[in-house]
Amino acid sequence: MMTSLEPSAARRAIVEHTRRLADAAVAAGPAAPVPTTPGWTMTELVEHVGQTQNWVAEIVERRIADPAALPAAMAALPADPGAWPDWLAAAARRVSAAFSDDALEAPVFNAAGDERTGGRFWLSSVLNESVVHGADAAGRPYDVDPLIAAPLVSNHFAMLTSPTWAALRSASADAVRGTGQTLRWTATDTADSWFVERRPDGATWRPGTGPADVTVTGPAGSLLLILTRRLPLTGAEGDVALARHWLDNTAHIAD
C-alpha cells in the first residue's frame, strides 16, 4: 500500500514549508544565489513561489477547465524584502484554502494530462513546489515529513511518465526509454517502493518491489531531494550508472 497524500496534511505542509522558505530567504538576503537552482537569486525564488501559488489558487478558485482560460496576470512581488514573509504567507494560505474537498474533485484543468483530477494534480504540484523550493532556500540539510515526501515521490514519477512530459520534455522522455532496464527506489521510513522500467515505448513506474538493475534506498525525504537533484545520489546498489543516467535526464525542477 503506497502512502497517499492526505489533503489536510498537504494544506498544512504548504503553509509550513512556505514559511520556512520565507525565513531562509530573508535571512540570506535578496541577492543571495540559490546553489541548487543555478542562476537564481533568493528574490527570483521568492517571486516564483509566491506567483505560482497565487496563480494556481485562481485556477482552482475559478474551477478553470479550459487551458485557454488560464490566468495571464501574475502577482507582484513586494519590493521590500521585509514584506516577503507576509506576502508568501498570504499566498500559501490562499492556495491551501482553495483546495477544499469539493475543489479536489471538481473538473479543473490538469496540466499533466493524466488520470488525476485537476484539483489533486495542482495540490501535489503546489506542495512539491513548496517543499523542494523550501530546500533550495535552506541550502542545508532539510527535513521533510515522510508522509509528505513519499506521495511527492509518486507525484514525481507520475509527472515524468505523463503525456504532458512526453510532449513538452521530449528530450527527457526519449532519453529514459530503454530495453527493459529497471530501477527501484525504496523508502526506509515508510512502506513505499517505486519500480521503474525503461521500455522502448517509454519509461513506466508502478508501486512495488522486486529485483532491479539498481536499487536506491533511503528516507522518503532524501529520495525526493535526490530525484529532484537537490541532494547527491546516495544509497544506490547495483548499476549505479543507470541511476545516475536517470537523474541526469529527468530534470524535474518544479518549474
Protein backbone atom coordinates (compact mmCIF):
# COMPACT_ATOMS: atom_id res chain seq x y z
CA MET A 1 0.00 0.00 0.00
CA MET A 2 1.51 3.30 -1.11
CA THR A 3 1.35 6.35 1.11
CA SER A 4 -1.38 8.61 -0.24
CA LEU A 5 -1.44 12.37 0.08
CA GLU A 6 -3.83 13.38 2.83
CA PRO A 7 -5.35 16.74 1.80
CA SER A 8 -5.46 18.38 5.23
CA ALA A 9 -1.82 17.41 5.88
CA ALA A 10 -0.87 18.72 2.44
CA ARG A 11 -2.58 22.04 3.10
CA ARG A 12 -0.72 22.44 6.40
CA ALA A 13 2.57 21.45 4.79
CA ILE A 14 2.21 24.07 2.04
CA VAL A 15 1.87 26.79 4.67
CA GLU A 16 4.70 25.43 6.84
CA HIS A 17 7.24 24.88 4.07
CA THR A 18 6.43 28.27 2.57
CA ARG A 19 7.09 29.86 5.96
CA ARG A 20 10.41 28.06 6.18
CA LEU A 21 11.30 29.25 2.69
CA ALA A 22 10.45 32.85 3.58
CA ASP A 23 12.53 32.77 6.76
CA ALA A 24 15.54 31.34 4.93
CA ALA A 25 15.25 33.77 2.03
CA VAL A 26 15.05 36.83 4.25
CA ALA A 27 17.99 35.62 6.32
CA ALA A 28 20.09 35.04 3.19
CA GLY A 29 19.22 38.34 1.54
CA PRO A 30 17.62 39.20 -1.82
CA ALA A 31 20.81 38.96 -3.90
CA ALA A 32 22.00 35.66 -2.40
CA PRO A 33 22.41 32.92 -5.00
CA VAL A 34 20.41 29.70 -4.75
CA PRO A 35 23.01 26.92 -5.07
CA THR A 36 20.58 24.18 -6.08
CA THR A 37 18.98 26.30 -8.84
CA PRO A 38 21.98 27.84 -10.61
CA GLY A 39 21.38 31.35 -11.90
CA TRP A 40 18.59 32.10 -9.44
CA THR A 41 18.71 34.58 -6.59
CA MET A 42 16.56 34.48 -3.47
CA THR A 43 14.49 37.30 -4.97
CA GLU A 44 13.68 35.16 -8.01
CA LEU A 45 12.95 32.11 -5.86
CA VAL A 46 10.52 34.00 -3.63
CA GLU A 47 8.84 35.63 -6.62
CA HIS A 48 8.44 32.29 -8.40
CA VAL A 49 6.89 30.52 -5.41
CA GLY A 50 4.51 33.33 -4.46
CA GLN A 51 3.40 33.94 -8.02
CA THR A 52 2.85 30.24 -8.64
CA GLN A 53 0.77 29.82 -5.50
CA ASN A 54 -1.46 32.78 -6.37
CA TRP A 55 -1.75 31.63 -10.00
CA VAL A 56 -2.79 28.11 -9.03
CA ALA A 57 -5.19 29.47 -6.39
CA GLU A 58 -7.03 31.40 -9.09
CA ILE A 59 -7.24 28.34 -11.33
CA VAL A 60 -8.78 26.26 -8.55
CA GLU A 61 -10.99 29.03 -7.13
CA ARG A 62 -12.48 29.70 -10.55
CA ARG A 63 -12.61 25.98 -11.45
CA ILE A 64 -10.87 26.68 -14.75
CA ALA A 65 -11.15 23.65 -17.01
CA ASP A 66 -10.08 25.21 -20.32
CA PRO A 67 -6.31 25.77 -20.64
CA ALA A 68 -7.04 28.72 -22.93
CA ALA A 69 -8.61 30.48 -19.94
CA LEU A 70 -5.64 30.13 -17.58
CA PRO A 71 -4.75 33.37 -15.74
CA ALA A 72 -2.43 35.70 -17.63
CA ALA A 73 -1.53 38.13 -14.84
CA MET A 74 0.93 37.27 -12.07
CA ALA A 75 1.02 38.62 -8.52
CA ALA A 76 3.56 41.38 -7.90
CA LEU A 77 6.48 40.67 -5.57
CA PRO A 78 6.85 43.38 -2.88
CA ALA A 79 9.95 45.48 -3.47
CA ASP A 80 10.78 45.43 0.23
CA PRO A 81 12.22 42.04 1.31
CA GLY A 82 10.84 42.73 4.75
CA ALA A 83 7.37 42.26 3.27
CA TRP A 84 8.20 38.87 1.74
CA PRO A 85 7.13 36.71 4.72
CA ASP A 86 3.64 38.24 4.85
CA TRP A 87 3.28 38.10 1.05
CA LEU A 88 4.30 34.46 0.90
CA ALA A 89 2.18 33.56 3.92
CA ALA A 90 -0.88 35.11 2.27
CA ALA A 91 -0.19 33.21 -0.97
CA ALA A 92 0.23 29.92 0.89
CA ARG A 93 -2.97 30.43 2.90
CA ARG A 94 -4.89 31.39 -0.23
CA VAL A 95 -3.85 28.38 -2.28
CA SER A 96 -4.30 25.99 0.64
CA ALA A 97 -7.82 27.30 1.25
CA ALA A 98 -8.61 26.87 -2.45
CA PHE A 99 -8.07 23.11 -2.13
CA SER A 100 -11.37 22.36 -0.43
CA ASP A 101 -12.67 18.82 -0.59
CA ASP A 102 -15.08 19.88 -3.34
CA ALA A 103 -12.32 21.55 -5.34
CA LEU A 104 -10.22 18.40 -5.29
CA GLU A 105 -12.91 16.56 -7.26
CA ALA A 106 -14.03 19.46 -9.47
CA PRO A 107 -13.44 19.50 -13.25
CA VAL A 108 -10.30 21.65 -13.15
CA PHE A 109 -7.61 21.61 -15.85
CA ASN A 110 -4.89 19.03 -15.17
CA ALA A 111 -1.65 20.17 -16.80
CA ALA A 112 -0.13 16.68 -16.59
CA GLY A 113 -2.86 15.18 -18.76
CA ASP A 114 -3.01 12.06 -16.60
CA GLU A 115 -5.86 10.34 -14.78
CA ARG A 116 -5.85 12.58 -11.69
CA THR A 117 -8.46 15.25 -11.14
CA GLY A 118 -7.16 18.74 -11.74
CA GLY A 119 -7.53 19.64 -8.08
CA ARG A 120 -5.42 16.69 -6.94
CA PHE A 121 -2.81 17.39 -9.60
CA TRP A 122 -2.47 21.02 -8.50
CA LEU A 123 -2.41 20.13 -4.80
CA SER A 124 0.56 17.80 -5.38
CA SER A 125 2.24 20.33 -7.65
CA VAL A 126 1.97 23.25 -5.23
CA LEU A 127 3.07 21.08 -2.34
CA ASN A 128 6.06 19.89 -4.38
CA GLU A 129 6.99 23.49 -5.19
CA SER A 130 6.75 24.50 -1.54
CA VAL A 131 8.84 21.59 -0.26
CA VAL A 132 11.52 21.46 -2.97
CA HIS A 133 11.98 25.21 -3.18
CA GLY A 134 11.99 25.31 0.62
CA ALA A 135 15.00 23.03 0.43
CA ASP A 136 16.52 25.36 -2.16
CA ALA A 137 16.20 28.33 0.19
CA ALA A 138 17.52 26.43 3.20
CA GLY A 139 20.77 25.49 1.48
CA ARG A 140 21.49 22.88 4.14
CA PRO A 141 20.08 19.51 5.32
CA TYR A 142 16.32 19.81 5.06
CA ASP A 143 13.75 17.76 6.94
CA VAL A 144 10.60 16.58 5.15
CA ASP A 145 7.88 14.55 6.87
CA PRO A 146 7.96 11.09 5.23
CA LEU A 147 4.17 11.11 4.93
CA ILE A 148 4.52 14.24 2.78
CA ALA A 149 7.68 13.19 0.94
CA ALA A 150 6.50 9.73 -0.14
CA PRO A 151 3.43 10.96 -2.06
CA LEU A 152 5.62 13.61 -3.67
CA VAL A 153 7.95 10.89 -4.95
CA SER A 154 4.89 9.25 -6.51
CA ASN A 155 3.91 12.62 -7.98
CA HIS A 156 7.41 12.99 -9.37
CA PHE A 157 7.21 9.69 -11.24
CA ALA A 158 3.66 10.47 -12.37
CA MET A 159 4.90 13.70 -13.92
CA LEU A 160 7.89 12.08 -15.64
CA THR A 161 5.67 9.44 -17.26
CA SER A 162 2.74 11.74 -18.08
CA PRO A 163 1.52 12.62 -21.59
CA THR A 164 2.44 16.25 -20.99
CA TRP A 165 6.04 15.38 -20.08
CA ALA A 166 6.39 13.35 -23.27
CA ALA A 167 5.00 16.25 -25.30
CA LEU A 168 6.85 19.16 -23.68
CA ARG A 169 10.03 17.46 -22.43
CA SER A 170 10.51 15.08 -25.30
CA ALA A 171 14.31 15.01 -24.95
CA SER A 172 13.95 13.77 -21.39
CA ALA A 173 11.23 11.27 -22.28
CA ASP A 174 13.33 9.90 -25.14
CA ALA A 175 16.50 9.69 -23.01
CA VAL A 176 14.88 7.42 -20.44
CA ARG A 177 13.49 4.95 -22.95
CA GLY A 178 15.27 1.63 -22.78
CA THR A 179 15.18 -2.07 -23.41
CA GLY A 180 13.87 -3.27 -20.07
CA GLN A 181 16.32 -1.72 -17.61
CA THR A 182 14.81 -1.46 -14.13
CA LEU A 183 15.31 0.88 -11.18
CA ARG A 184 13.82 0.58 -7.69
CA TRP A 185 13.58 3.40 -5.18
CA THR A 186 12.75 2.22 -1.66
CA ALA A 187 11.93 4.35 1.37
CA THR A 188 13.28 3.29 4.74
CA ASP A 189 10.79 5.30 6.81
CA THR A 190 7.56 4.34 5.03
CA ALA A 191 6.37 1.16 3.33
CA ASP A 192 6.74 2.72 -0.12
CA SER A 193 8.77 1.42 -3.03
CA TRP A 194 8.71 2.69 -6.62
CA PHE A 195 9.63 0.36 -9.50
CA VAL A 196 10.66 1.97 -12.80
CA GLU A 197 11.05 0.13 -16.10
CA ARG A 198 12.67 1.72 -19.15
CA ARG A 199 10.82 0.33 -22.17
CA PRO A 200 11.26 1.08 -25.88
CA ASP A 201 7.93 2.95 -25.88
CA GLY A 202 8.79 4.98 -22.77
CA ALA A 203 9.51 4.71 -19.08
CA THR A 204 6.80 3.41 -16.74
CA TRP A 205 6.52 3.18 -13.00
CA ARG A 206 4.42 1.24 -10.53
CA PRO A 207 4.31 0.71 -6.78
CA GLY A 208 6.17 -2.39 -5.71
CA THR A 209 9.39 -4.20 -5.13
CA GLY A 210 11.27 -6.94 -6.92
CA PRO A 211 14.72 -7.46 -8.42
CA ALA A 212 16.05 -4.39 -10.22
CA ASP A 213 19.23 -3.44 -12.02
CA VAL A 214 19.79 -0.73 -9.42
CA THR A 215 18.09 -0.05 -6.09
CA VAL A 216 18.28 3.29 -4.29
CA THR A 217 17.34 3.19 -0.61
CA GLY A 218 16.88 5.99 1.89
CA PRO A 219 14.36 8.08 3.82
CA ALA A 220 11.48 9.30 1.66
CA GLY A 221 12.58 12.92 2.06
CA SER A 222 16.08 12.10 0.89
CA LEU A 223 14.74 10.17 -2.11
CA LEU A 224 12.59 13.16 -3.08
CA LEU A 225 15.54 15.54 -2.91
CA ILE A 226 17.81 13.11 -4.77
CA LEU A 227 15.22 12.67 -7.52
CA THR A 228 14.81 16.44 -7.85
CA ARG A 229 18.61 16.78 -7.83
CA ARG A 230 18.80 18.75 -4.59
CA LEU A 231 20.95 16.06 -2.95
CA PRO A 232 23.68 13.88 -4.47
CA LEU A 233 22.92 10.25 -5.23
CA THR A 234 23.50 8.01 -2.22
CA GLY A 235 22.21 4.60 -1.13
CA ALA A 236 22.48 3.02 -4.58
CA GLU A 237 23.30 -0.65 -5.06
CA GLY A 238 23.74 -2.36 -8.40
CA ASP A 239 24.16 -0.47 -11.66
CA VAL A 240 24.82 2.96 -10.16
CA ALA A 241 25.49 4.43 -13.63
CA LEU A 242 21.89 3.56 -14.56
CA ALA A 243 20.58 5.59 -11.60
CA ARG A 244 22.88 8.49 -12.47
CA HIS A 245 21.70 8.43 -16.08
CA TRP A 246 18.10 8.57 -14.90
CA LEU A 247 18.80 11.59 -12.69
CA ASP A 248 20.84 13.34 -15.37
CA ASN A 249 17.96 13.09 -17.83
CA THR A 250 14.95 13.85 -15.62
CA ALA A 251 15.47 17.44 -14.58
CA HIS A 252 12.08 17.94 -12.95
CA ILE A 253 12.93 21.18 -11.16
CA ALA A 254 9.36 22.09 -10.16
CA ASP A 255 9.19 24.98 -12.59
